[in-house]
C-alpha cells in the first residue's frame, strides 16, 4: 500500500474489512475514458482520443480483472493498437514486479521495476493500492483508467472504427438485462471467491462461500436450456466475467480460497461453457495456468511456505 507516495509495508491482501470481518476491495482511482473523438466519457475528463500506438496496458496473468481487459483487447482486434506489459506472477513485498519470469515482460514504456512506481509517476503523493490492470497514455504520460469494467467497455466502443465489429460485448438492446447480471456475477462470484479467501472471520467466510456456490448453481441452471452464452447466442461481457473466475476456480479458488464444495468440472453446463469459451479464437492465449498457480500460492498470508500444488490436471480444457 502506498501512503502519500511511499510504500509502507510488505504487501498484504487485506487492507480493509467490514463490520463482520469481510474483505473490502479498494475502489479504483483513475476513471477517464478513451473515446473516438476524445470527448469525456461517463466519468473523468476528456482528452483521450482513440489512436493507434498511443495506449499501453499493464496486466497480471494471475489477475481475473486484468485478464478481462486482455480478452476484450483480443476480441475487439486491438492488439496492433494497444501494447501490453505483463508483471511477474508472484506478489512480492512491494506487490507487482516487472521481471523475466517466463510469460512476463519488462516495462519498456516507463522502465519501472514495481507497479507502484507507475502510480507515483502520475501522482507522487498517491495513497492506495497499486492494482492492475492499468491503461496508460503514452502521449500525456498518465494513467487513463485502472478499473477493469471501464476498460472492457471502452475497448468495446471507445476505439470506433479502429476496432473489430465481430463482437459487441455490451449490446444496448440487452443492456437492461446485462447490467444487473454482470453486477450479480461480480458481487457474488468474481469478488465472492476473494471474500471467501480473504475473510478474517468464520461468519464472513461462510457468507461468501454460500454466495459463490449459490451463484454457480444459478448460472448452471441458466445454461441448462441449450444456450451457448449467458445472454443466448451472443458472447457478451457477462461471459467474460464468468469465464475469468471459472478458469481459475479449480487451480486456485477451490484450494487456496477454501471454495471447496465442488470444482467446475463437477458442473455439467458450466464445464461445457468453460470449454466453449476457451475455443473462441484468442481467449486461450490470455490464460496462463502457471502464472495463476504461482501467483495465488505466493500470497504469504494464505500460504506461508509458498508450496505450489502440482495439480489439478487441466488437460481436459487444453490447458
Protein backbone atom coordinates (compact mmCIF):
# COMPACT_ATOMS: atom_id res chain seq x y z
CA UNK A 1 0.00 0.00 0.00
CA UNK A 2 1.20 3.48 -0.89
CA UNK A 3 0.62 6.25 1.62
CA UNK A 4 1.42 9.73 0.35
CA UNK A 5 3.53 8.17 -2.38
CA UNK A 6 5.61 5.98 -0.03
CA UNK A 7 5.44 2.18 0.11
CA UNK A 8 4.56 1.47 3.74
CA UNK A 9 4.99 -2.25 4.42
CA UNK A 10 5.07 -5.68 2.84
CA UNK A 11 2.13 -6.38 0.54
CA UNK A 12 -0.98 -7.58 2.39
CA UNK A 13 -4.10 -8.87 0.58
CA UNK A 14 -6.46 -7.43 3.21
CA UNK A 15 -6.31 -3.66 3.61
CA UNK A 16 -9.86 -3.12 4.87
CA UNK A 17 -12.68 -5.19 6.40
CA UNK A 18 -16.36 -4.63 7.09
CA UNK A 19 -18.10 -4.93 10.46
CA UNK A 20 -18.22 -8.76 10.10
CA UNK A 21 -14.55 -9.08 9.21
CA UNK A 22 -15.26 -9.44 5.50
CA UNK A 23 -12.80 -8.43 2.78
CA UNK A 24 -13.44 -4.97 1.28
CA UNK A 25 -11.99 -4.22 -2.15
CA UNK A 26 -10.44 -0.84 -2.90
CA UNK A 27 -12.32 1.46 -5.29
CA UNK A 28 -10.45 2.26 -8.50
CA UNK A 29 -8.83 5.70 -8.56
CA UNK A 30 -8.46 6.64 -12.25
CA UNK A 31 -11.68 6.69 -14.27
CA UNK A 32 -11.03 8.54 -17.56
CA UNK A 33 -12.23 7.08 -20.87
CA UNK A 34 -10.83 6.71 -24.37
CA UNK A 35 -13.41 7.83 -26.93
CA UNK A 36 -13.37 8.01 -30.74
CA UNK A 37 -13.10 11.82 -30.77
CA UNK A 38 -11.52 12.46 -27.36
CA UNK A 39 -14.59 13.79 -25.59
CA UNK A 40 -15.10 12.87 -21.94
CA UNK A 41 -16.70 9.52 -21.17
CA UNK A 42 -19.16 8.59 -18.40
CA UNK A 43 -16.57 9.55 -15.74
CA UNK A 44 -13.35 11.52 -15.62
CA UNK A 45 -12.12 14.12 -18.09
CA UNK A 46 -11.72 14.28 -21.86
CA UNK A 47 -8.62 14.40 -24.00
CA UNK A 48 -8.07 10.68 -24.55
CA UNK A 49 -8.76 10.17 -28.24
CA UNK A 50 -8.65 6.72 -29.83
CA UNK A 51 -5.35 6.49 -31.70
CA UNK A 52 -3.04 3.69 -32.80
CA UNK A 53 0.03 3.08 -30.61
CA UNK A 54 -0.94 5.72 -28.06
CA UNK A 55 -2.05 3.45 -25.22
CA UNK A 56 -0.35 0.74 -23.20
CA UNK A 57 -1.97 -1.89 -20.97
CA UNK A 58 -0.33 -3.19 -17.79
CA UNK A 59 -1.66 -6.58 -16.66
CA UNK A 60 -1.01 -9.62 -14.49
CA UNK A 61 -1.96 -13.00 -15.94
CA UNK A 62 -2.89 -14.24 -12.47
CA UNK A 63 -5.47 -11.45 -12.12
CA UNK A 64 -9.02 -12.07 -13.39
CA UNK A 65 -9.75 -8.34 -13.65
CA UNK A 66 -6.69 -7.76 -15.82
CA UNK A 67 -7.47 -10.84 -17.90
CA UNK A 68 -10.91 -9.42 -18.71
CA UNK A 69 -9.20 -6.49 -20.42
CA UNK A 70 -6.84 -8.79 -22.31
CA UNK A 71 -9.79 -10.80 -23.62
CA UNK A 72 -11.64 -7.65 -24.71
CA UNK A 73 -8.46 -6.42 -26.43
CA UNK A 74 -8.29 -9.73 -28.33
CA UNK A 75 -11.95 -9.94 -29.30
CA UNK A 76 -12.04 -6.34 -30.49
CA UNK A 77 -8.89 -6.76 -32.59
CA UNK A 78 -6.94 -4.09 -30.70
CA UNK A 79 -3.63 -5.94 -30.30
CA UNK A 80 -1.96 -3.86 -33.02
CA UNK A 81 -3.19 -0.61 -31.41
CA UNK A 82 -2.54 -1.23 -27.71
CA UNK A 83 0.77 -2.62 -26.44
CA UNK A 84 0.98 -4.72 -23.27
CA UNK A 85 3.32 -5.34 -20.33
CA UNK A 86 2.87 -8.37 -18.06
CA UNK A 87 4.11 -8.36 -14.46
CA UNK A 88 5.57 -11.45 -12.81
CA UNK A 89 3.01 -13.75 -11.15
CA UNK A 90 4.35 -13.75 -7.58
CA UNK A 91 3.18 -10.99 -5.27
CA UNK A 92 6.34 -9.81 -3.53
CA UNK A 93 6.90 -7.43 -0.63
CA UNK A 94 6.19 -4.39 -2.82
CA UNK A 95 3.40 -6.01 -4.83
CA UNK A 96 3.53 -6.48 -8.61
CA UNK A 97 7.03 -6.68 -10.09
CA UNK A 98 8.39 -6.49 -13.65
CA UNK A 99 10.95 -9.15 -14.48
CA UNK A 100 12.00 -12.11 -16.57
CA UNK A 101 9.76 -14.89 -15.23
CA UNK A 102 8.54 -16.90 -18.26
CA UNK A 103 5.48 -15.21 -19.71
CA UNK A 104 6.29 -11.88 -18.05
CA UNK A 105 7.86 -8.76 -19.54
CA UNK A 106 9.81 -5.70 -18.57
CA UNK A 107 8.26 -2.23 -18.70
CA UNK A 108 9.52 -0.69 -21.97
CA UNK A 109 7.31 2.38 -21.57
CA UNK A 110 8.19 3.75 -18.13
CA UNK A 111 11.09 1.41 -17.23
CA UNK A 112 9.57 0.71 -13.82
CA UNK A 113 10.65 -2.13 -11.55
CA UNK A 114 7.47 -2.17 -9.46
CA UNK A 115 3.89 -1.47 -10.49
CA UNK A 116 3.52 1.07 -7.68
CA UNK A 117 6.12 3.24 -9.43
CA UNK A 118 3.65 3.74 -12.30
CA UNK A 119 1.19 5.21 -9.82
CA UNK A 120 3.65 7.55 -8.13
CA UNK A 121 4.93 8.71 -11.51
CA UNK A 122 1.44 10.13 -12.11
CA UNK A 123 0.81 11.25 -8.53
CA UNK A 124 3.89 11.48 -6.25
CA UNK A 125 1.53 11.61 -3.24
CA UNK A 126 -0.75 8.74 -4.28
CA UNK A 127 -2.40 6.83 -1.44
CA UNK A 128 -3.89 3.41 -2.21
CA UNK A 129 -3.11 0.05 -3.72
CA UNK A 130 -1.12 -0.27 -6.93
CA UNK A 131 -3.51 -2.57 -8.78
CA UNK A 132 -3.73 -3.97 -12.29
CA UNK A 133 -5.00 -3.53 -14.92
CA UNK A 134 -3.71 -0.06 -15.74
CA UNK A 135 -4.38 1.64 -19.07
CA UNK A 136 -1.57 4.13 -19.75
CA UNK A 137 -1.47 7.06 -22.17
CA UNK A 138 1.99 7.28 -23.75
CA UNK A 139 1.19 10.72 -25.19
CA UNK A 140 0.32 12.55 -21.98
CA UNK A 141 2.26 10.23 -19.65
CA UNK A 142 -0.60 9.45 -17.34
CA UNK A 143 -2.98 6.71 -16.24
CA UNK A 144 -6.22 6.77 -18.20
CA UNK A 145 -8.08 4.19 -16.15
CA UNK A 146 -7.44 1.38 -13.68
CA UNK A 147 -10.97 -0.03 -13.46
CA UNK A 148 -11.28 -3.22 -15.48
CA UNK A 149 -15.03 -2.85 -16.08
CA UNK A 150 -14.46 0.58 -17.64
CA UNK A 151 -11.55 -0.67 -19.74
CA UNK A 152 -13.60 -3.56 -21.16
CA UNK A 153 -16.39 -1.19 -22.15
CA UNK A 154 -14.08 1.39 -23.70
CA UNK A 155 -12.34 -1.35 -25.69
CA UNK A 156 -15.80 -2.35 -26.89
CA UNK A 157 -16.85 1.08 -28.17
CA UNK A 158 -14.13 3.62 -27.45
CA UNK A 159 -11.99 2.89 -30.49
CA UNK A 160 -14.81 3.17 -33.02
CA UNK A 161 -13.89 2.01 -36.50
CA UNK A 162 -10.34 1.18 -35.38
CA UNK A 163 -11.72 -1.86 -33.56
CA UNK A 164 -13.22 -5.06 -34.94
CA UNK A 165 -17.00 -5.28 -35.17
CA UNK A 166 -17.06 -9.07 -34.82
CA UNK A 167 -18.19 -8.83 -31.18
CA UNK A 168 -20.37 -6.31 -29.38
CA UNK A 169 -19.67 -7.07 -25.74
CA UNK A 170 -22.33 -4.73 -24.40
CA UNK A 171 -25.21 -4.57 -26.91
CA UNK A 172 -27.61 -1.77 -25.97
CA UNK A 173 -30.60 -3.94 -26.80
CA UNK A 174 -29.60 -6.26 -23.96
CA UNK A 175 -28.41 -3.59 -21.51
CA UNK A 176 -31.40 -3.76 -19.15
CA UNK A 177 -30.77 -7.46 -18.52
CA UNK A 178 -26.99 -7.42 -18.94
CA UNK A 179 -26.28 -4.71 -16.37
CA UNK A 180 -27.84 -6.45 -13.35
CA UNK A 181 -26.43 -9.81 -14.47
CA UNK A 182 -22.85 -8.55 -14.66
CA UNK A 183 -23.21 -6.81 -11.30
CA UNK A 184 -24.59 -10.00 -9.74
CA UNK A 185 -21.72 -12.11 -11.14
CA UNK A 186 -19.18 -9.58 -9.88
CA UNK A 187 -20.59 -9.25 -6.36
CA UNK A 188 -21.44 -12.86 -5.62
CA UNK A 189 -18.88 -14.79 -7.69
CA UNK A 190 -15.95 -12.75 -9.08
CA UNK A 191 -15.45 -10.94 -5.80
CA UNK A 192 -17.17 -13.67 -3.80
CA UNK A 193 -14.19 -16.02 -4.10
CA UNK A 194 -11.93 -13.23 -2.80
CA UNK A 195 -14.34 -12.50 0.03
CA UNK A 196 -14.11 -16.18 0.98
CA UNK A 197 -10.34 -16.40 0.59
CA UNK A 198 -9.53 -13.20 2.46
CA UNK A 199 -12.25 -13.40 5.13
CA UNK A 200 -10.98 -12.72 8.64
CA UNK A 201 -13.93 -14.28 10.48
CA UNK A 202 -15.84 -17.54 10.13
CA UNK A 203 -19.16 -15.80 9.54
CA UNK A 204 -17.83 -13.63 6.71
CA UNK A 205 -16.18 -16.66 5.10
CA UNK A 206 -19.37 -18.73 5.22
CA UNK A 207 -21.47 -15.90 3.78
CA UNK A 208 -19.06 -15.52 0.87
CA UNK A 209 -18.86 -19.30 0.39
CA UNK A 210 -22.64 -19.50 0.17
CA UNK A 211 -22.72 -16.64 -2.33
CA UNK A 212 -20.16 -18.37 -4.55
CA UNK A 213 -21.91 -21.71 -4.77
CA UNK A 214 -25.47 -20.38 -4.93
CA UNK A 215 -24.37 -18.22 -7.88
CA UNK A 216 -22.64 -21.13 -9.60
CA UNK A 217 -25.85 -23.13 -9.18
CA UNK A 218 -27.90 -20.28 -10.68
CA UNK A 219 -25.60 -19.96 -13.67
CA UNK A 220 -25.54 -23.74 -14.16
CA UNK A 221 -29.33 -23.63 -14.44
CA UNK A 222 -29.24 -20.61 -16.75
CA UNK A 223 -27.04 -22.54 -19.20
CA UNK A 224 -29.26 -25.61 -18.94
CA UNK A 225 -31.53 -24.54 -21.84
CA UNK A 226 -29.01 -25.11 -24.62
CA UNK A 227 -27.86 -21.51 -24.90
CA UNK A 228 -24.11 -21.24 -25.66
CA UNK A 229 -23.65 -18.00 -23.71
CA UNK A 230 -25.32 -16.32 -20.75
CA UNK A 231 -27.35 -13.97 -22.94
CA UNK A 232 -28.14 -16.56 -25.60
CA UNK A 233 -26.24 -16.79 -28.86
CA UNK A 234 -24.22 -13.61 -28.37
CA UNK A 235 -20.97 -13.53 -26.39
CA UNK A 236 -21.01 -10.51 -24.06
CA UNK A 237 -19.01 -9.04 -21.21
CA UNK A 238 -21.06 -11.20 -18.82
CA UNK A 239 -19.46 -14.29 -20.34
CA UNK A 240 -16.00 -12.78 -19.92
CA UNK A 241 -16.73 -12.03 -16.27
CA UNK A 242 -17.86 -15.59 -15.67
CA UNK A 243 -15.02 -17.14 -17.66
CA UNK A 244 -12.15 -15.48 -15.79
CA UNK A 245 -13.39 -16.89 -12.49
CA UNK A 246 -14.21 -20.35 -13.84
CA UNK A 247 -10.80 -20.85 -15.45
CA UNK A 248 -9.09 -20.06 -12.11
CA UNK A 249 -11.51 -21.95 -9.91
CA UNK A 250 -10.17 -25.50 -9.85
CA UNK A 251 -6.48 -24.47 -9.87
CA UNK A 252 -6.71 -21.73 -7.25
CA UNK A 253 -10.02 -20.80 -5.61
CA UNK A 254 -11.01 -24.38 -4.75
CA UNK A 255 -7.81 -24.77 -2.72
CA UNK A 256 -6.19 -21.52 -1.59
CA UNK A 257 -9.52 -19.67 -1.16
CA UNK A 258 -11.32 -22.61 0.51
CA UNK A 259 -14.14 -22.67 -2.06
CA UNK A 260 -14.14 -26.44 -1.94
CA UNK A 261 -17.73 -27.64 -2.16
CA UNK A 262 -17.31 -28.54 -5.83
CA UNK A 263 -14.96 -27.98 -8.75
CA UNK A 264 -16.10 -26.55 -12.08
CA UNK A 265 -15.59 -29.97 -13.67
CA UNK A 266 -18.41 -31.18 -11.39
CA UNK A 267 -20.93 -28.91 -13.17
CA UNK A 268 -22.27 -30.19 -16.49
CA UNK A 269 -23.11 -26.87 -18.15
CA UNK A 270 -20.51 -24.61 -16.56
CA UNK A 271 -17.83 -27.12 -17.51
CA UNK A 272 -19.08 -27.11 -21.12
CA UNK A 273 -19.25 -23.29 -21.08
CA UNK A 274 -15.63 -23.08 -19.93
CA UNK A 275 -14.52 -25.34 -22.79
CA UNK A 276 -16.65 -23.34 -25.24
CA UNK A 277 -15.08 -20.03 -24.18
CA UNK A 278 -11.57 -21.46 -24.46
CA UNK A 279 -12.40 -22.45 -28.05
CA UNK A 280 -13.18 -18.83 -29.01
CA UNK A 281 -10.19 -17.63 -31.07
CA UNK A 282 -7.82 -15.57 -28.93
CA UNK A 283 -9.22 -16.33 -25.49
CA UNK A 284 -6.97 -19.27 -24.61
CA UNK A 285 -3.94 -17.06 -25.37
CA UNK A 286 -4.88 -14.89 -22.38
CA UNK A 287 -4.73 -17.83 -19.93
CA UNK A 288 -1.51 -18.90 -18.22
CA UNK A 289 -2.14 -21.65 -15.64
CA UNK A 290 1.42 -21.47 -14.34
CA UNK A 291 1.07 -17.74 -13.61
CA UNK A 292 -2.29 -18.33 -11.93
CA UNK A 293 -0.93 -21.02 -9.61
CA UNK A 294 2.36 -19.27 -8.91
CA UNK A 295 0.53 -16.03 -8.19
CA UNK A 296 -2.19 -17.17 -5.84
CA UNK A 297 0.04 -19.57 -3.95
CA UNK A 298 2.64 -16.82 -3.46
CA UNK A 299 0.28 -15.00 -1.07
CA UNK A 300 2.12 -15.46 2.23
CA UNK A 301 -0.90 -14.65 4.37
CA UNK A 302 -2.62 -17.74 2.95
CA UNK A 303 0.37 -19.96 2.10
CA UNK A 304 3.39 -19.01 4.24
CA UNK A 305 5.65 -21.79 2.94
CA UNK A 306 4.97 -20.92 -0.69
CA UNK A 307 4.30 -24.52 -1.76
CA UNK A 308 2.51 -24.65 -5.13
CA UNK A 309 0.31 -27.70 -5.75
CA UNK A 310 1.18 -29.90 -8.72
CA UNK A 311 -2.43 -30.43 -9.78
CA UNK A 312 -5.13 -30.31 -10.84
CA UNK A 313 -4.94 -31.72 -14.35
CA UNK A 314 -6.40 -29.11 -16.73
CA UNK A 315 -5.74 -31.05 -19.93
CA UNK A 316 -9.49 -31.60 -20.40
CA UNK A 317 -9.59 -27.90 -21.29
CA UNK A 318 -6.45 -27.98 -23.41
CA UNK A 319 -4.53 -26.07 -20.73
